[in-house]
Amino acid sequence: MPTVLRWLIANLIVFVPLALVIHQVHTWYPDDDDWPWWVAALLIGTLLVAGYAALRFWFATDPDLCETNQSTEELIAGLEAKNLIRREVYQARRAFQVDETEDEGSNYFVELADGRVLFISGQILYEYEPDESGEPCRFPCTEFELVLKSDTGDMLDLLCRGQVLEPEVMAPAFTIEDFKSGWTPENLEILDKPYDTLKQERLKSA
């Protein structure tokens, strides 16, 4: 449902009951000065109930909110049925990691088989790293598939194949100066600069 239509219906859910109550009160008490005290309570109660109903309608018809109750597989299947999924498969040779600044997620520079470098970042990568439960590392790896939302480019899933690549080094986190200068790559950006050059640049920032 288009956002404009949802907004219109939500407003109608609020204002139609309120208008009906005001009209009925006017029928009972044509002179506004004669309204008894409980009319104010009636109007406030109507507004609260109608507002709650409008919020329920808005949340129920918000596609992003509806998707949050789905598993990743269900979400991808639904989007794929609408031709809104793009899949990209990469072969990789080596990788190094950049420490995270706060809690933005892990960062990796991954050298691809064709010599280019993929920068990949985000909290979703936590799921592929060792944790306290003893889960083994799964990413970076020699082959992986990115499942992307085609209209926004958002990464929905990461499918790991091949052998695990142990990050060569943990480089220092990006600094405020890096962000200001525009040095930091965008997530999933493909870089033409050589892998070794990128690694040395990050290590020099220590």
Protein backbone atom coordinates (compact mmCIF):
# COMPACT_ATOMS: atom_id res chain seq x y z
CA MET A 1 0.00 0.00 0.00
CA PRO A 2 1.42 3.43 -0.95
CA THR A 3 2.61 5.55 1.98
CA VAL A 4 0.32 8.45 1.02
CA LEU A 5 -2.73 6.17 1.09
CA ARG A 6 -1.68 4.69 4.45
CA TRP A 7 -1.25 8.22 5.84
CA LEU A 8 -4.72 9.23 4.58
CA ILE A 9 -6.44 6.18 6.05
CA ALA A 10 -4.63 6.59 9.38
CA ASN A 11 -5.84 10.19 9.60
CA LEU A 12 -9.39 9.16 8.75
CA ILE A 13 -9.30 6.56 11.52
CA VAL A 14 -8.50 9.35 13.97
CA PHE A 15 -10.66 12.24 12.76
CA VAL A 16 -13.85 10.50 11.60
CA PRO A 17 -14.78 9.10 15.05
CA LEU A 18 -13.79 12.40 16.65
CA ALA A 19 -15.96 14.35 14.21
CA LEU A 20 -18.93 12.03 14.82
CA VAL A 21 -18.64 12.43 18.59
CA ILE A 22 -18.42 16.24 18.30
CA HIS A 23 -21.45 16.26 15.99
CA GLN A 24 -23.45 14.14 18.44
CA VAL A 25 -22.48 16.36 21.37
CA HIS A 26 -23.58 19.42 19.36
CA THR A 27 -26.91 17.69 18.82
CA TRP A 28 -27.33 17.21 22.55
CA TYR A 29 -25.92 20.59 23.54
CA PRO A 30 -26.16 23.16 20.68
CA ASP A 31 -24.51 25.83 22.82
CA ASP A 32 -20.84 25.09 23.44
CA ASP A 33 -21.03 26.87 26.78
CA ASP A 34 -23.55 24.29 28.01
CA TRP A 35 -21.31 21.27 27.54
CA PRO A 36 -20.96 19.30 30.78
CA TRP A 37 -17.60 18.32 32.19
CA TRP A 38 -17.73 14.74 30.94
CA VAL A 39 -17.73 15.86 27.29
CA ALA A 40 -14.03 16.70 27.56
CA ALA A 41 -13.36 13.22 28.93
CA LEU A 42 -15.40 11.71 26.09
CA LEU A 43 -13.44 13.62 23.45
CA ILE A 44 -10.07 12.73 24.98
CA GLY A 45 -11.09 9.07 25.27
CA THR A 46 -12.25 9.02 21.64
CA LEU A 47 -8.99 10.60 20.52
CA LEU A 48 -6.91 8.07 22.46
CA VAL A 49 -8.84 5.05 21.18
CA ALA A 50 -8.86 6.31 17.59
CA GLY A 51 -5.17 7.20 17.79
CA TYR A 52 -4.33 3.72 19.05
CA ALA A 53 -6.35 2.18 16.21
CA ALA A 54 -4.54 4.38 13.69
CA LEU A 55 -1.15 3.30 15.04
CA ARG A 56 -2.15 -0.35 14.88
CA PHE A 57 -3.22 0.14 11.26
CA TRP A 58 0.02 1.98 10.41
CA PHE A 59 2.27 -0.67 11.93
CA ALA A 60 0.26 -3.53 10.41
CA THR A 61 0.64 -2.10 6.90
CA ASP A 62 4.29 -0.99 7.15
CA PRO A 63 6.23 -3.44 4.94
CA ASP A 64 9.50 -2.91 6.81
CA LEU A 65 7.85 -3.61 10.17
CA CYS A 66 6.05 -6.64 8.78
CA GLU A 67 9.36 -8.01 7.57
CA THR A 68 10.90 -7.90 11.05
CA ASN A 69 8.74 -10.84 12.13
CA GLN A 70 10.08 -12.98 9.30
CA SER A 71 13.13 -15.16 9.28
CA THR A 72 15.94 -14.19 6.94
CA GLU A 73 14.99 -17.05 4.63
CA GLU A 74 11.34 -15.98 4.52
CA LEU A 75 12.27 -12.36 3.90
CA ILE A 76 14.60 -13.27 1.04
CA ALA A 77 12.07 -15.66 -0.49
CA GLY A 78 9.38 -12.97 -0.42
CA LEU A 79 11.64 -10.36 -2.00
CA GLU A 80 12.94 -12.83 -4.56
CA ALA A 81 9.37 -13.53 -5.65
CA LYS A 82 9.10 -9.79 -6.39
CA ASN A 83 12.42 -9.77 -8.27
CA LEU A 84 13.96 -7.57 -5.56
CA ILE A 85 16.98 -9.77 -4.82
CA ARG A 86 20.43 -9.60 -6.41
CA ARG A 87 23.09 -12.23 -5.77
CA GLU A 88 26.82 -11.68 -6.24
CA VAL A 89 29.39 -14.48 -5.96
CA TYR A 90 33.05 -13.71 -5.22
CA GLN A 91 36.28 -15.70 -5.05
CA ALA A 92 38.85 -14.38 -2.61
CA ARG A 93 42.57 -14.88 -1.99
CA ARG A 94 43.30 -13.11 1.29
CA ALA A 95 41.92 -10.51 3.68
CA PHE A 96 42.81 -8.21 6.52
CA GLN A 97 40.56 -6.81 9.22
CA VAL A 98 40.13 -3.26 10.48
CA ASP A 99 39.20 -2.80 14.12
CA GLU A 100 35.75 -1.30 14.66
CA THR A 101 35.44 2.25 15.91
CA GLU A 102 32.47 1.69 18.20
CA ASP A 103 29.79 -0.88 17.46
CA GLU A 104 29.31 -0.36 13.73
CA GLY A 105 30.35 -3.96 13.07
CA SER A 106 33.41 -5.75 11.73
CA ASN A 107 35.39 -4.40 8.77
CA TYR A 108 37.34 -6.40 6.19
CA PHE A 109 39.34 -5.64 3.08
CA VAL A 110 39.09 -8.77 0.93
CA GLU A 111 41.35 -9.30 -2.07
CA LEU A 112 39.34 -10.89 -4.86
CA ALA A 113 40.62 -13.37 -7.44
CA ASP A 114 40.78 -10.66 -10.12
CA GLY A 115 43.01 -8.42 -7.98
CA ARG A 116 40.36 -5.94 -6.94
CA VAL A 117 39.53 -5.41 -3.26
CA LEU A 118 36.10 -5.61 -1.68
CA PHE A 119 35.45 -3.65 1.49
CA ILE A 120 32.73 -5.27 3.58
CA SER A 121 31.46 -4.02 6.91
CA GLY A 122 28.56 -4.38 9.30
CA GLN A 123 27.18 -6.07 12.39
CA ILE A 124 25.92 -8.98 10.29
CA LEU A 125 29.54 -10.14 10.13
CA TYR A 126 29.48 -10.88 13.87
CA GLU A 127 27.47 -14.00 13.01
CA TYR A 128 30.39 -15.42 11.04
CA GLU A 129 33.13 -14.83 13.58
CA PRO A 130 34.15 -16.99 16.57
CA ASP A 131 32.16 -16.35 19.73
CA GLU A 132 32.01 -17.52 23.33
CA SER A 133 29.87 -20.52 22.38
CA GLY A 134 32.78 -21.97 20.41
CA GLU A 135 31.33 -21.39 16.94
CA PRO A 136 34.14 -21.54 14.37
CA CYS A 137 35.05 -18.66 12.09
CA ARG A 138 33.30 -18.78 8.69
CA PHE A 139 34.25 -15.46 7.10
CA PRO A 140 36.43 -14.33 5.35
CA CYS A 141 36.55 -17.35 3.04
CA THR A 142 37.74 -18.29 -0.42
CA GLU A 143 34.25 -18.14 -1.94
CA PHE A 144 31.15 -16.34 -0.72
CA GLU A 145 27.82 -15.09 -2.01
CA LEU A 146 26.22 -11.78 -1.09
CA VAL A 147 22.42 -11.67 -1.07
CA LEU A 148 21.43 -8.05 -1.66
CA LYS A 149 18.19 -6.12 -1.84
CA SER A 150 18.34 -4.91 -5.42
CA ASP A 151 16.60 -1.55 -4.93
CA THR A 152 18.71 -0.39 -1.96
CA GLY A 153 21.82 -2.58 -2.11
CA ASP A 154 21.33 -3.64 1.53
CA MET A 155 23.04 -6.90 2.42
CA LEU A 156 20.48 -9.42 3.65
CA ASP A 157 22.61 -12.53 3.88
CA LEU A 158 26.13 -13.83 3.38
CA LEU A 159 26.66 -17.40 2.22
CA CYS A 160 30.12 -18.76 2.94
CA ARG A 161 31.78 -21.46 0.87
CA GLY A 162 35.28 -22.72 0.29
CA GLN A 163 38.00 -22.47 2.90
CA VAL A 164 38.22 -19.98 5.74
CA LEU A 165 40.77 -17.20 5.27
CA GLU A 166 42.46 -16.11 8.47
CA PRO A 167 42.77 -12.28 8.41
CA GLU A 168 46.42 -11.40 7.91
CA VAL A 169 46.40 -8.50 10.35
CA MET A 170 44.08 -6.45 12.54
CA ALA A 171 44.60 -2.87 11.36
CA PRO A 172 43.73 0.15 13.54
CA ALA A 173 40.19 1.47 13.50
CA PHE A 174 39.18 4.31 11.22
CA THR A 175 39.66 7.70 12.84
CA ILE A 176 37.62 10.88 12.73
CA GLU A 177 40.23 12.26 10.33
CA ASP A 178 39.67 9.27 8.04
CA PHE A 179 35.94 9.94 7.93
CA LYS A 180 36.44 13.67 7.35
CA SER A 181 38.89 13.10 4.52
CA GLY A 182 36.61 10.61 2.82
CA TRP A 183 39.24 7.84 3.05
CA THR A 184 36.82 5.29 4.49
CA PRO A 185 35.19 3.15 1.77
CA GLU A 186 31.48 2.54 1.51
CA ASN A 187 30.19 -0.87 2.53
CA LEU A 188 30.53 -3.37 -0.35
CA GLU A 189 32.61 -0.90 -2.36
CA ILE A 190 35.00 -2.44 -4.88
CA LEU A 191 38.41 -0.77 -4.76
CA ASP A 192 40.95 -0.75 -7.59
CA LYS A 193 43.83 0.18 -5.28
CA PRO A 194 46.16 -2.80 -4.67
CA TYR A 195 45.52 -4.88 -1.58
CA ASP A 196 49.08 -4.51 -0.24
CA THR A 197 48.88 -0.73 -0.60
CA LEU A 198 45.61 -0.58 1.33
CA LYS A 199 47.02 -2.76 4.07
CA GLN A 200 50.17 -0.68 4.43
CA GLU A 201 48.14 2.55 4.54
CA ARG A 202 45.98 1.20 7.35
CA LEU A 203 48.96 -0.10 9.32
CA LYS A 204 50.74 3.26 9.00
CA SER A 205 47.80 4.93 10.70
CA ALA A 206 48.64 3.15 13.95
